[in-house]
């Protein structure tokens, strides 16, 4: 009878070992599946982030390109206004300057 108990104990151990291997194998498969799922999720997030950054970059480029034309126009207008203001002020003062120069040149100091 002891040999029967020994055989039954060995058989129980073998069955328990097979169950343990099954559990470990199942856990490994679940881990591999979860890692694959996490990798796929990360790749989707990276792709989404990349498209958002690319869209933002393109938007900034289009803004800077569009505004550079308006900036050039603004600078040209401002330059024209300053030139006109300087021309006007010199035309107003030029007669006085000419009169002052003639006075100093023609005045004889003794």
Protein backbone atom coordinates (compact mmCIF):
# COMPACT_ATOMS: atom_id res chain seq x y z
CA UNK A 1 0.00 0.00 0.00
CA UNK A 2 2.91 2.33 0.67
CA UNK A 3 4.08 1.89 -2.88
CA UNK A 4 0.58 2.83 -4.05
CA UNK A 5 0.68 5.99 -1.93
CA UNK A 6 4.12 6.72 -3.33
CA UNK A 7 2.86 6.27 -6.87
CA UNK A 8 -0.18 8.44 -6.15
CA UNK A 9 2.03 11.13 -4.58
CA UNK A 10 4.35 11.13 -7.57
CA UNK A 11 1.36 11.31 -9.90
CA UNK A 12 -0.03 14.28 -7.91
CA UNK A 13 3.34 16.00 -8.09
CA UNK A 14 3.51 15.48 -11.87
CA UNK A 15 -0.03 16.81 -12.27
CA UNK A 16 0.77 19.81 -10.07
CA UNK A 17 3.95 20.46 -12.08
CA UNK A 18 1.99 20.34 -15.35
CA UNK A 19 -0.59 22.76 -13.92
CA UNK A 20 2.17 25.07 -12.77
CA UNK A 21 3.76 24.98 -16.23
CA UNK A 22 0.38 25.73 -17.74
CA UNK A 23 -0.10 28.71 -15.40
CA UNK A 24 3.40 30.04 -16.09
CA UNK A 25 2.93 29.58 -19.83
CA UNK A 26 -0.42 31.35 -19.70
CA UNK A 27 1.11 34.22 -17.68
CA UNK A 28 3.96 34.57 -20.18
CA UNK A 29 1.51 34.67 -23.08
CA UNK A 30 -0.59 37.30 -21.30
CA UNK A 31 2.57 39.33 -20.57
CA UNK A 32 3.68 39.13 -24.21
CA UNK A 33 0.20 40.15 -25.34
CA UNK A 34 0.12 43.11 -22.95
CA UNK A 35 3.60 44.23 -24.03
CA UNK A 36 2.51 44.06 -27.67
CA UNK A 37 -0.64 46.06 -26.84
CA UNK A 38 1.41 48.66 -24.94
CA UNK A 39 3.83 48.95 -27.86
CA UNK A 40 0.95 49.47 -30.30
CA UNK A 41 -0.60 52.12 -28.04
CA UNK A 42 2.74 53.90 -27.72
CA UNK A 43 3.24 53.88 -31.49
CA UNK A 44 -0.24 55.35 -31.99
CA UNK A 45 0.47 58.08 -29.43
CA UNK A 46 3.80 58.89 -31.08
CA UNK A 47 2.15 59.08 -34.50
CA UNK A 48 -0.59 61.35 -33.15
CA UNK A 49 1.95 63.58 -31.40
CA UNK A 50 4.07 63.72 -34.55
CA UNK A 51 1.11 64.77 -36.70
CA UNK A 52 0.11 67.44 -34.15
CA UNK A 53 3.65 68.83 -34.04
CA UNK A 54 3.91 68.75 -37.82
CA UNK A 55 0.60 70.60 -38.17
CA UNK A 56 1.74 73.19 -35.62
CA UNK A 57 5.05 73.58 -37.43
CA UNK A 58 3.34 74.02 -40.80
CA UNK A 59 0.95 76.54 -39.25
CA UNK A 60 3.86 78.59 -37.87
CA UNK A 61 5.64 78.47 -41.20
CA UNK A 62 2.54 79.66 -43.04
CA UNK A 63 2.02 82.44 -40.47
CA UNK A 64 5.61 83.64 -40.73
CA UNK A 65 5.57 83.44 -44.53
CA UNK A 66 2.28 85.29 -44.79
CA UNK A 67 3.22 87.91 -42.25
CA UNK A 68 6.63 88.54 -43.81
CA UNK A 69 4.87 90.00 -46.85
CA UNK A 70 2.72 92.19 -44.64
CA UNK A 71 5.76 93.11 -42.53
CA UNK A 72 7.63 94.23 -45.65
CA UNK A 73 4.61 96.27 -46.70
CA UNK A 74 4.40 97.85 -43.24
CA UNK A 75 8.08 98.74 -43.30
CA UNK A 76 7.80 100.25 -46.78
CA UNK A 77 4.81 102.38 -45.71
CA UNK A 78 6.57 103.51 -42.54
CA UNK A 79 9.70 104.40 -44.51
CA UNK A 80 7.67 106.41 -47.03
CA UNK A 81 5.93 108.32 -44.21
CA UNK A 82 9.26 109.15 -42.58
CA UNK A 83 10.76 110.30 -45.89
CA UNK A 84 7.76 112.55 -46.53
CA UNK A 85 7.95 113.99 -42.99
CA UNK A 86 11.67 114.72 -43.37
CA UNK A 87 11.15 116.26 -46.80
CA UNK A 88 8.38 118.47 -45.42
CA UNK A 89 10.42 119.61 -42.40
CA UNK A 90 13.50 120.36 -44.54
CA UNK A 91 11.44 122.34 -47.02
CA UNK A 92 10.01 124.41 -44.14
CA UNK A 93 13.41 125.06 -42.57
CA UNK A 94 15.52 125.39 -45.73
CA UNK A 95 14.56 129.04 -46.36
CA UNK A 96 15.51 129.99 -42.80
CA UNK A 97 18.83 128.13 -43.06
CA UNK A 98 19.66 129.79 -46.39
CA UNK A 99 18.82 133.23 -44.96
CA UNK A 100 20.96 132.56 -41.88
CA UNK A 101 23.92 131.41 -44.01
CA UNK A 102 23.68 134.43 -46.30
CA UNK A 103 23.51 136.73 -43.28
CA UNK A 104 26.65 135.20 -41.73
CA UNK A 105 28.54 135.21 -45.00
CA UNK A 106 27.69 138.78 -45.90
CA UNK A 107 28.18 140.21 -42.45
CA UNK A 108 31.61 141.72 -42.04
CA UNK A 109 33.05 141.80 -38.59
CA UNK A 110 35.43 144.56 -37.77
